[in-house]
Structures are given as C-alpha cells and as structure tokens.
C-alpha cells in the first residue's frame, strides 16, 4: 500500500535530515495566471508542501496581508472550484493542501472534498473547526481521501493537544503565537517549550507557522520542529511579482537547510 503523499514527503525529508518548507499562497492572487506561475515557481524553489488558500469574505484569523490578497482574488471572481482548477492546471510535484474556513467548504457541497482530491489536492486544513465542535462535520473531513491537518495554539493544554492530534493526519500545524497571521521581527520565546509539549502528545510531524518571515526564523524553528509554514511574507512578495516570491522562497529554503 502506498503512503499518503504528505506522509511520504515527511518520511523522505526525515531520511535526508531535512525540515519541511510549507508555503501558503492565496488562490487567484495576484490573478489566476500568476497564481499558477506562483504554485509552480514556489515548488521549484524548494517548497515541500503548498497550502492554497480559498479566498473568503470574512477571514477572522488572517492578518492584513492575507486579507488583502483574498479580497483581491474575490474581486476577480475567484471561487472554490476555480481554485481547484488552478491546482489541477499547475500540476505541481509536491503535496497541495486546500486551506479554508468552514463556510466555503460547506457552500461547495457534499462532494467538495472529493472534487479537491480529484483536482490533485492531498490535504485540507480548516481554520475554524475546533476538535469536538461538530463531530459529524469532522468525520466528513476525517473520512475523505485528504489528510486532515489540525491546528494547535501555544495556549492549548497538553491533554487537548493529544486529542487534537488524534483527530488529524499529515502533520500538526502549531501556531507560534496568539493573534492573526503576519510577519514578525522575533519568534515567541516560549516556542521551544510548546513544541516539546506537543512532541509528547503526538507522533505526527510538527510544522510551525505565524510570523516566519526571515531565513534566521526558519533556521531557529527548524532546529526544534519538523517544518515551518510561511504565509504572509510570501503573499506580500507575491504581490510584488512571481520572481520576488520565488526568490523569497529560496532564501527561506536555504535558511531551513542550514539546520541540517
């Protein structure tokens, strides 16, 4: 039996003593054609996994950069199915995760997850579906062909960390600090201790996001986690152009590989 693409990617990285670079891009930003170029360019520049954000009109967890990118994409007519078409057209050779709030997925219909898998997605991450909030809906995600990536906050108690991880697959996304997404000058000082608590709660790989914007951030996180997630800083670069985003991805990749 073949491994799931996300599990296989992390297994391969482990044998190479490398850390995962997970890159977030907003579907349809700056526009559809450049969105496809970005997916391909970021993959070629060293991304191990790509999260493709489904634009949403009320993105409560997103900071100003990602909010603006979502609004720009929505204004140009980006939808769930058009986002899936981008994934299919880009046909990148790394796992792609559909990153969304719950509402767009529900609005897309009962076969939304199957359509995502058919388009080439390997995982799904839902920002606003806490473990235990809606067991039937969680089962819908958990029983699909997509890895169900779960979020853990730095304030999450250890027993709750275990419960969250049991209901997820692929990897655990650890939010490095409270608040909305966005680049920061410094990482949270308590991050290593939080990662240690999460390690004790799950065997899934741990990827850290929120605020990763510099190669030295990636290197610091790579010493204690299995991967980093880069979002706002990459989306900001994408707003300047495909080349800027690809160059930025390469700098983060090199920073992360410095931990080998």
C-alpha atoms as a PDB file:
ATOM      1  CA  UNK A   1       0.000   0.000   0.000  1.00  0.00           C
ATOM      2  CA  UNK A   2       1.384   3.401  -0.993  1.00  0.00           C
ATOM      3  CA  UNK A   3       1.910   6.064   1.663  1.00  0.00           C
ATOM      4  CA  UNK A   4      -0.211   9.171   1.601  1.00  0.00           C
ATOM      5  CA  UNK A   5       1.675  11.912  -0.334  1.00  0.00           C
ATOM      6  CA  UNK A   6       2.068  14.182   2.715  1.00  0.00           C
ATOM      7  CA  UNK A   7       3.221  11.338   4.973  1.00  0.00           C
ATOM      8  CA  UNK A   8       5.637  10.214   2.246  1.00  0.00           C
ATOM      9  CA  UNK A   9       7.056  13.722   1.880  1.00  0.00           C
ATOM     10  CA  UNK A  10       7.813  13.947   5.606  1.00  0.00           C
ATOM     11  CA  UNK A  11       9.264  10.432   5.632  1.00  0.00           C
ATOM     12  CA  UNK A  12      11.576  11.341   2.749  1.00  0.00           C
ATOM     13  CA  UNK A  13      12.669  14.538   4.493  1.00  0.00           C
ATOM     14  CA  UNK A  14      13.399  12.625   7.683  1.00  0.00           C
ATOM     15  CA  UNK A  15      15.731  10.238   5.878  1.00  0.00           C
ATOM     16  CA  UNK A  16      17.554  13.305   4.479  1.00  0.00           C
ATOM     17  CA  UNK A  17      17.668  15.025   7.883  1.00  0.00           C
ATOM     18  CA  UNK A  18      15.844  17.996   6.336  1.00  0.00           C
ATOM     19  CA  UNK A  19      12.934  20.112   7.516  1.00  0.00           C
ATOM     20  CA  UNK A  20       9.733  20.772   5.568  1.00  0.00           C
ATOM     21  CA  UNK A  21       9.063  24.118   3.962  1.00  0.00           C
ATOM     22  CA  UNK A  22       5.299  24.639   3.803  1.00  0.00           C
ATOM     23  CA  UNK A  23       4.320  27.639   1.674  1.00  0.00           C
ATOM     24  CA  UNK A  24       0.965  29.407   1.730  1.00  0.00           C
ATOM     25  CA  UNK A  25      -0.418  31.118  -1.383  1.00  0.00           C
ATOM     26  CA  UNK A  26      -3.857  32.665  -1.888  1.00  0.00           C
ATOM     27  CA  UNK A  27      -5.730  31.166  -4.841  1.00  0.00           C
ATOM     28  CA  UNK A  28      -6.169  33.767  -7.564  1.00  0.00           C
ATOM     29  CA  UNK A  29      -3.686  36.286  -6.152  1.00  0.00           C
ATOM     30  CA  UNK A  30      -2.462  38.463  -7.759  1.00  0.00           C
ATOM     31  CA  UNK A  31      -4.538  36.927 -10.598  1.00  0.00           C
ATOM     32  CA  UNK A  32      -5.296  33.464 -11.943  1.00  0.00           C
ATOM     33  CA  UNK A  33      -2.423  33.138 -14.402  1.00  0.00           C
ATOM     34  CA  UNK A  34       0.199  34.400 -11.972  1.00  0.00           C
ATOM     35  CA  UNK A  35      -1.314  32.160  -9.301  1.00  0.00           C
ATOM     36  CA  UNK A  36      -0.401  29.157 -11.445  1.00  0.00           C
ATOM     37  CA  UNK A  37       3.084  30.574 -12.050  1.00  0.00           C
ATOM     38  CA  UNK A  38       3.478  31.051  -8.294  1.00  0.00           C
ATOM     39  CA  UNK A  39       2.466  27.475  -7.496  1.00  0.00           C
ATOM     40  CA  UNK A  40       4.998  26.120  -9.975  1.00  0.00           C
ATOM     41  CA  UNK A  41       7.722  28.616  -9.065  1.00  0.00           C
ATOM     42  CA  UNK A  42       7.451  28.116  -5.316  1.00  0.00           C
ATOM     43  CA  UNK A  43       7.528  24.329  -5.758  1.00  0.00           C
ATOM     44  CA  UNK A  44      10.641  24.611  -7.922  1.00  0.00           C
ATOM     45  CA  UNK A  45      12.281  26.943  -5.373  1.00  0.00           C
ATOM     46  CA  UNK A  46      12.092  24.365  -2.605  1.00  0.00           C
ATOM     47  CA  UNK A  47       8.603  24.146  -1.122  1.00  0.00           C
ATOM     48  CA  UNK A  48       7.831  20.664   0.199  1.00  0.00           C
ATOM     49  CA  UNK A  49       4.115  21.309   0.673  1.00  0.00           C
ATOM     50  CA  UNK A  50       1.937  24.144  -0.640  1.00  0.00           C
ATOM     51  CA  UNK A  51      -1.160  25.432   1.103  1.00  0.00           C
ATOM     52  CA  UNK A  52      -3.565  27.083  -1.329  1.00  0.00           C
ATOM     53  CA  UNK A  53      -5.893  29.458   0.474  1.00  0.00           C
ATOM     54  CA  UNK A  54      -9.529  29.656  -0.620  1.00  0.00           C
ATOM     55  CA  UNK A  55     -10.437  33.358  -0.563  1.00  0.00           C
ATOM     56  CA  UNK A  56     -13.173  34.158   1.946  1.00  0.00           C
ATOM     57  CA  UNK A  57     -15.014  37.372   2.692  1.00  0.00           C
ATOM     58  CA  UNK A  58     -14.685  37.130   6.494  1.00  0.00           C
ATOM     59  CA  UNK A  59     -11.196  35.739   7.246  1.00  0.00           C
ATOM     60  CA  UNK A  60     -11.038  36.295  11.018  1.00  0.00           C
ATOM     61  CA  UNK A  61      -7.675  34.619  11.616  1.00  0.00           C
ATOM     62  CA  UNK A  62      -5.852  36.344   8.785  1.00  0.00           C
ATOM     63  CA  UNK A  63      -3.755  39.458   9.093  1.00  0.00           C
ATOM     64  CA  UNK A  64      -3.905  42.424   6.714  1.00  0.00           C
ATOM     65  CA  UNK A  65      -1.648  40.971   4.005  1.00  0.00           C
ATOM     66  CA  UNK A  66      -3.614  37.754   3.503  1.00  0.00           C
ATOM     67  CA  UNK A  67      -6.945  39.562   3.955  1.00  0.00           C
ATOM     68  CA  UNK A  68      -5.988  41.965   1.168  1.00  0.00           C
ATOM     69  CA  UNK A  69      -4.906  39.109  -1.110  1.00  0.00           C
ATOM     70  CA  UNK A  70      -8.237  37.345  -0.513  1.00  0.00           C
ATOM     71  CA  UNK A  71     -10.222  40.472  -1.294  1.00  0.00           C
ATOM     72  CA  UNK A  72      -8.215  40.991  -4.482  1.00  0.00           C
ATOM     73  CA  UNK A  73      -8.851  37.404  -5.585  1.00  0.00           C
ATOM     74  CA  UNK A  74     -12.569  37.587  -4.737  1.00  0.00           C
ATOM     75  CA  UNK A  75     -12.908  40.838  -6.683  1.00  0.00           C
ATOM     76  CA  UNK A  76     -11.583  38.982  -9.741  1.00  0.00           C
ATOM     77  CA  UNK A  77     -14.145  36.218  -9.342  1.00  0.00           C
ATOM     78  CA  UNK A  78     -12.130  33.524  -7.578  1.00  0.00           C
ATOM     79  CA  UNK A  79     -14.298  30.680  -6.272  1.00  0.00           C
ATOM     80  CA  UNK A  80     -13.739  27.278  -4.683  1.00  0.00           C
ATOM     81  CA  UNK A  81     -13.981  25.440  -7.995  1.00  0.00           C
ATOM     82  CA  UNK A  82     -11.784  27.940  -9.796  1.00  0.00           C
ATOM     83  CA  UNK A  83      -9.219  27.413  -7.039  1.00  0.00           C
ATOM     84  CA  UNK A  84      -9.380  23.666  -7.650  1.00  0.00           C
ATOM     85  CA  UNK A  85      -8.891  24.329 -11.361  1.00  0.00           C
ATOM     86  CA  UNK A  86      -5.722  26.270 -10.504  1.00  0.00           C
ATOM     87  CA  UNK A  87      -4.394  23.275  -8.564  1.00  0.00           C
ATOM     88  CA  UNK A  88      -5.166  20.956 -11.461  1.00  0.00           C
ATOM     89  CA  UNK A  89      -3.596  23.266 -14.057  1.00  0.00           C
ATOM     90  CA  UNK A  90      -0.455  23.906 -12.021  1.00  0.00           C
ATOM     91  CA  UNK A  91       0.081  20.140 -11.521  1.00  0.00           C
ATOM     92  CA  UNK A  92       2.985  20.649  -9.120  1.00  0.00           C
ATOM     93  CA  UNK A  93       5.015  17.674  -7.915  1.00  0.00           C
ATOM     94  CA  UNK A  94       4.611  18.472  -4.199  1.00  0.00           C
ATOM     95  CA  UNK A  95       1.543  17.869  -1.997  1.00  0.00           C
ATOM     96  CA  UNK A  96      -1.052  20.648  -2.057  1.00  0.00           C
ATOM     97  CA  UNK A  97      -3.334  21.425   0.888  1.00  0.00           C
ATOM     98  CA  UNK A  98      -6.662  23.221   0.491  1.00  0.00           C
ATOM     99  CA  UNK A  99      -6.590  25.871   3.239  1.00  0.00           C
ATOM    100  CA  UNK A 100     -10.019  27.243   4.063  1.00  0.00           C
ATOM    101  CA  UNK A 101     -12.564  28.436   6.532  1.00  0.00           C
ATOM    102  CA  UNK A 102     -15.502  26.087   7.027  1.00  0.00           C
ATOM    103  CA  UNK A 103     -18.109  28.181   5.229  1.00  0.00           C
ATOM    104  CA  UNK A 104     -16.630  27.975   1.684  1.00  0.00           C
ATOM    105  CA  UNK A 105     -16.249  24.200   2.006  1.00  0.00           C
ATOM    106  CA  UNK A 106     -19.838  23.729   3.148  1.00  0.00           C
ATOM    107  CA  UNK A 107     -21.078  26.034   0.387  1.00  0.00           C
ATOM    108  CA  UNK A 108     -19.158  23.952  -2.167  1.00  0.00           C
ATOM    109  CA  UNK A 109     -21.402  20.964  -1.465  1.00  0.00           C
ATOM    110  CA  UNK A 110     -21.133  17.427  -0.059  1.00  0.00           C
ATOM    111  CA  UNK A 111     -18.649  16.317  -2.720  1.00  0.00           C
ATOM    112  CA  UNK A 112     -16.322  19.314  -2.181  1.00  0.00           C
ATOM    113  CA  UNK A 113     -13.530  17.202  -0.679  1.00  0.00           C
ATOM    114  CA  UNK A 114     -13.730  14.571  -3.393  1.00  0.00           C
ATOM    115  CA  UNK A 115     -13.514  17.276  -6.043  1.00  0.00           C
ATOM    116  CA  UNK A 116     -10.433  18.668  -4.297  1.00  0.00           C
ATOM    117  CA  UNK A 117      -8.780  15.248  -4.327  1.00  0.00           C
ATOM    118  CA  UNK A 118      -9.700  14.792  -7.990  1.00  0.00           C
ATOM    119  CA  UNK A 119      -8.044  18.153  -8.750  1.00  0.00           C
ATOM    120  CA  UNK A 120      -4.801  16.921  -7.188  1.00  0.00           C
ATOM    121  CA  UNK A 121      -5.021  18.151  -3.583  1.00  0.00           C
ATOM    122  CA  UNK A 122      -3.545  15.918  -0.881  1.00  0.00           C
ATOM    123  CA  UNK A 123      -4.845  17.606   2.273  1.00  0.00           C
ATOM    124  CA  UNK A 124      -7.324  20.024   3.801  1.00  0.00           C
ATOM    125  CA  UNK A 125      -6.925  22.497   6.655  1.00  0.00           C
ATOM    126  CA  UNK A 126      -9.948  24.216   8.197  1.00  0.00           C
ATOM    127  CA  UNK A 127      -9.150  27.199  10.396  1.00  0.00           C
ATOM    128  CA  UNK A 128     -12.439  27.411  12.298  1.00  0.00           C
ATOM    129  CA  UNK A 129     -13.454  23.838  13.171  1.00  0.00           C
ATOM    130  CA  UNK A 130     -12.146  23.021  16.669  1.00  0.00           C
ATOM    131  CA  UNK A 131     -11.992  19.376  17.708  1.00  0.00           C
ATOM    132  CA  UNK A 132     -15.320  18.348  19.215  1.00  0.00           C
ATOM    133  CA  UNK A 133     -17.260  21.328  17.863  1.00  0.00           C
ATOM    134  CA  UNK A 134     -19.093  19.349  15.174  1.00  0.00           C
ATOM    135  CA  UNK A 135     -18.294  15.597  15.221  1.00  0.00           C
ATOM    136  CA  UNK A 136     -20.341  14.819  12.105  1.00  0.00           C
ATOM    137  CA  UNK A 137     -18.569  17.511  10.112  1.00  0.00           C
ATOM    138  CA  UNK A 138     -15.186  16.425  11.455  1.00  0.00           C
ATOM    139  CA  UNK A 139     -15.949  12.874  10.341  1.00  0.00           C
ATOM    140  CA  UNK A 140     -16.651  14.226   6.829  1.00  0.00           C
ATOM    141  CA  UNK A 141     -13.136  15.634   6.741  1.00  0.00           C
ATOM    142  CA  UNK A 142     -11.502  12.719   8.527  1.00  0.00           C
ATOM    143  CA  UNK A 143     -13.025  10.095   6.225  1.00  0.00           C
ATOM    144  CA  UNK A 144     -12.062  11.807   2.958  1.00  0.00           C
ATOM    145  CA  UNK A 145      -9.000  10.961   0.884  1.00  0.00           C
ATOM    146  CA  UNK A 146      -7.403  14.227   2.029  1.00  0.00           C
ATOM    147  CA  UNK A 147      -5.095  14.417   5.046  1.00  0.00           C
ATOM    148  CA  UNK A 148      -6.897  16.450   7.720  1.00  0.00           C
ATOM    149  CA  UNK A 149      -4.393  18.992   9.059  1.00  0.00           C
ATOM    150  CA  UNK A 150      -5.261  20.244  12.550  1.00  0.00           C
ATOM    151  CA  UNK A 151      -4.208  23.456  14.295  1.00  0.00           C
ATOM    152  CA  UNK A 152      -2.765  23.731  17.795  1.00  0.00           C
ATOM    153  CA  UNK A 153      -2.337  27.022  19.678  1.00  0.00           C
ATOM    154  CA  UNK A 154       0.504  27.789  22.116  1.00  0.00           C
ATOM    155  CA  UNK A 155      -2.039  28.008  24.953  1.00  0.00           C
ATOM    156  CA  UNK A 156      -3.512  24.554  24.246  1.00  0.00           C
ATOM    157  CA  UNK A 157      -3.289  22.246  27.310  1.00  0.00           C
ATOM    158  CA  UNK A 158      -1.299  19.043  26.790  1.00  0.00           C
ATOM    159  CA  UNK A 159      -4.290  16.696  27.031  1.00  0.00           C
ATOM    160  CA  UNK A 160      -6.116  18.802  24.468  1.00  0.00           C
ATOM    161  CA  UNK A 161      -3.042  18.637  22.199  1.00  0.00           C
ATOM    162  CA  UNK A 162      -3.287  14.840  22.272  1.00  0.00           C
ATOM    163  CA  UNK A 163      -6.981  14.923  21.414  1.00  0.00           C
ATOM    164  CA  UNK A 164      -6.453  17.325  18.505  1.00  0.00           C
ATOM    165  CA  UNK A 165      -3.603  15.255  17.077  1.00  0.00           C
ATOM    166  CA  UNK A 166      -5.638  12.025  17.301  1.00  0.00           C
ATOM    167  CA  UNK A 167      -8.275  13.616  15.073  1.00  0.00           C
ATOM    168  CA  UNK A 168      -5.785  14.783  12.446  1.00  0.00           C
ATOM    169  CA  UNK A 169      -3.323  13.408   9.924  1.00  0.00           C
ATOM    170  CA  UNK A 170      -0.439  14.552   7.738  1.00  0.00           C
ATOM    171  CA  UNK A 171       1.141  16.924  10.240  1.00  0.00           C
ATOM    172  CA  UNK A 172       0.139  19.237  13.070  1.00  0.00           C
ATOM    173  CA  UNK A 173       0.186  22.983  12.386  1.00  0.00           C
ATOM    174  CA  UNK A 174       1.435  24.716  15.513  1.00  0.00           C
ATOM    175  CA  UNK A 175       0.537  28.384  15.722  1.00  0.00           C
ATOM    176  CA  UNK A 176       3.683  30.050  17.076  1.00  0.00           C
ATOM    177  CA  UNK A 177       1.847  32.829  18.895  1.00  0.00           C
ATOM    178  CA  UNK A 178      -1.633  34.202  19.543  1.00  0.00           C
ATOM    179  CA  UNK A 179      -3.258  36.734  17.221  1.00  0.00           C
ATOM    180  CA  UNK A 180      -3.728  36.915  13.458  1.00  0.00           C
ATOM    181  CA  UNK A 181      -1.280  35.915  10.749  1.00  0.00           C
ATOM    182  CA  UNK A 182       1.518  38.273   9.756  1.00  0.00           C
ATOM    183  CA  UNK A 183       5.282  38.661   9.648  1.00  0.00           C
ATOM    184  CA  UNK A 184       7.042  39.444  12.935  1.00  0.00           C
ATOM    185  CA  UNK A 185      10.559  40.530  13.827  1.00  0.00           C
ATOM    186  CA  UNK A 186      11.015  37.943  16.580  1.00  0.00           C
ATOM    187  CA  UNK A 187       9.768  34.455  17.354  1.00  0.00           C
ATOM    188  CA  UNK A 188       7.906  33.720  20.580  1.00  0.00           C
ATOM    189  CA  UNK A 189      10.442  32.863  23.325  1.00  0.00           C
ATOM    190  CA  UNK A 190       8.256  30.060  24.680  1.00  0.00           C
ATOM    191  CA  UNK A 191       8.096  28.278  21.294  1.00  0.00           C
ATOM    192  CA  UNK A 192      10.659  25.514  22.063  1.00  0.00           C
ATOM    193  CA  UNK A 193       8.798  24.579  25.241  1.00  0.00           C
ATOM    194  CA  UNK A 194       5.488  24.492  23.359  1.00  0.00           C
ATOM    195  CA  UNK A 195       6.985  22.213  20.706  1.00  0.00           C
ATOM    196  CA  UNK A 196       8.303  19.907  23.439  1.00  0.00           C
ATOM    197  CA  UNK A 197       4.810  19.614  24.923  1.00  0.00           C
ATOM    198  CA  UNK A 198       3.342  18.863  21.513  1.00  0.00           C
ATOM    199  CA  UNK A 199       6.043  16.245  20.782  1.00  0.00           C
ATOM    200  CA  UNK A 200       4.958  14.421  23.911  1.00  0.00           C
ATOM    201  CA  UNK A 201       1.347  14.475  22.687  1.00  0.00           C
ATOM    202  CA  UNK A 202       1.706  13.194  19.106  1.00  0.00           C
ATOM    203  CA  UNK A 203       3.904  11.263  16.697  1.00  0.00           C
ATOM    204  CA  UNK A 204       2.775  13.414  13.749  1.00  0.00           C
ATOM    205  CA  UNK A 205       5.306  15.855  12.283  1.00  0.00           C
ATOM    206  CA  UNK A 206       5.076  19.385  13.722  1.00  0.00           C
ATOM    207  CA  UNK A 207       5.167  22.444  11.470  1.00  0.00           C
ATOM    208  CA  UNK A 208       5.249  25.941  12.939  1.00  0.00           C
ATOM    209  CA  UNK A 209       3.558  28.938  11.346  1.00  0.00           C
ATOM    210  CA  UNK A 210       2.552  32.558  12.047  1.00  0.00           C
ATOM    211  CA  UNK A 211       5.345  35.098  11.864  1.00  0.00           C
ATOM    212  CA  UNK A 212       8.007  33.166   9.922  1.00  0.00           C
ATOM    213  CA  UNK A 213       9.436  35.807   7.604  1.00  0.00           C
ATOM    214  CA  UNK A 214      13.253  35.528   7.636  1.00  0.00           C
ATOM    215  CA  UNK A 215      15.811  32.797   6.930  1.00  0.00           C
ATOM    216  CA  UNK A 216      17.014  33.018  10.549  1.00  0.00           C
ATOM    217  CA  UNK A 217      13.436  32.397  11.744  1.00  0.00           C
ATOM    218  CA  UNK A 218      13.288  29.268   9.586  1.00  0.00           C
ATOM    219  CA  UNK A 219      16.649  28.091  10.882  1.00  0.00           C
ATOM    220  CA  UNK A 220      15.648  28.631  14.516  1.00  0.00           C
ATOM    221  CA  UNK A 221      12.352  26.796  14.123  1.00  0.00           C
ATOM    222  CA  UNK A 222      13.959  24.048  12.055  1.00  0.00           C
ATOM    223  CA  UNK A 223      16.190  23.152  14.980  1.00  0.00           C
ATOM    224  CA  UNK A 224      13.200  22.187  17.126  1.00  0.00           C
ATOM    225  CA  UNK A 225      10.346  21.402  14.687  1.00  0.00           C
ATOM    226  CA  UNK A 226       9.822  19.245  11.593  1.00  0.00           C
ATOM    227  CA  UNK A 227       8.956  22.171   9.359  1.00  0.00           C
ATOM    228  CA  UNK A 228       7.965  25.809   9.004  1.00  0.00           C
ATOM    229  CA  UNK A 229       4.944  27.435   7.400  1.00  0.00           C
ATOM    230  CA  UNK A 230       5.492  30.704   5.538  1.00  0.00           C
ATOM    231  CA  UNK A 231       2.399  32.713   4.676  1.00  0.00           C
ATOM    232  CA  UNK A 232       2.085  36.477   4.962  1.00  0.00           C
ATOM    233  CA  UNK A 233       5.688  37.264   3.990  1.00  0.00           C
ATOM    234  CA  UNK A 234       5.354  35.069   0.900  1.00  0.00           C
ATOM    235  CA  UNK A 235       1.981  36.536  -0.086  1.00  0.00           C
ATOM    236  CA  UNK A 236       3.458  40.012   0.310  1.00  0.00           C
ATOM    237  CA  UNK A 237       6.313  39.027  -2.010  1.00  0.00           C
ATOM    238  CA  UNK A 238       3.806  37.545  -4.469  1.00  0.00           C
ATOM    239  CA  UNK A 239       2.094  40.914  -4.600  1.00  0.00           C
ATOM    240  CA  UNK A 240       5.357  42.354  -5.917  1.00  0.00           C
ATOM    241  CA  UNK A 241       5.662  39.646  -8.552  1.00  0.00           C
ATOM    242  CA  UNK A 242       6.314  35.970  -9.206  1.00  0.00           C
ATOM    243  CA  UNK A 243      10.086  36.451  -9.279  1.00  0.00           C
ATOM    244  CA  UNK A 244      10.070  38.155  -5.870  1.00  0.00           C
ATOM    245  CA  UNK A 245       8.050  35.288  -4.367  1.00  0.00           C
ATOM    246  CA  UNK A 246      10.293  32.623  -5.885  1.00  0.00           C
ATOM    247  CA  UNK A 247      13.419  34.443  -4.654  1.00  0.00           C
ATOM    248  CA  UNK A 248      11.943  34.767  -1.161  1.00  0.00           C
ATOM    249  CA  UNK A 249      11.069  31.057  -1.097  1.00  0.00           C
ATOM    250  CA  UNK A 250      14.664  30.221  -1.987  1.00  0.00           C
ATOM    251  CA  UNK A 251      16.032  32.333   0.883  1.00  0.00           C
ATOM    252  CA  UNK A 252      13.759  30.582   3.380  1.00  0.00           C
ATOM    253  CA  UNK A 253      14.709  27.202   1.933  1.00  0.00           C
ATOM    254  CA  UNK A 254      18.396  27.958   2.394  1.00  0.00           C
ATOM    255  CA  UNK A 255      17.815  29.168   5.936  1.00  0.00           C
ATOM    256  CA  UNK A 256      15.939  25.993   6.757  1.00  0.00           C
ATOM    257  CA  UNK A 257      18.603  23.772   5.205  1.00  0.00           C
ATOM    258  CA  UNK A 258      21.210  25.447   7.409  1.00  0.00           C
ATOM    259  CA  UNK A 259      19.795  23.339  10.265  1.00  0.00           C
ATOM    260  CA  UNK A 260      20.898  20.037   8.698  1.00  0.00           C
END
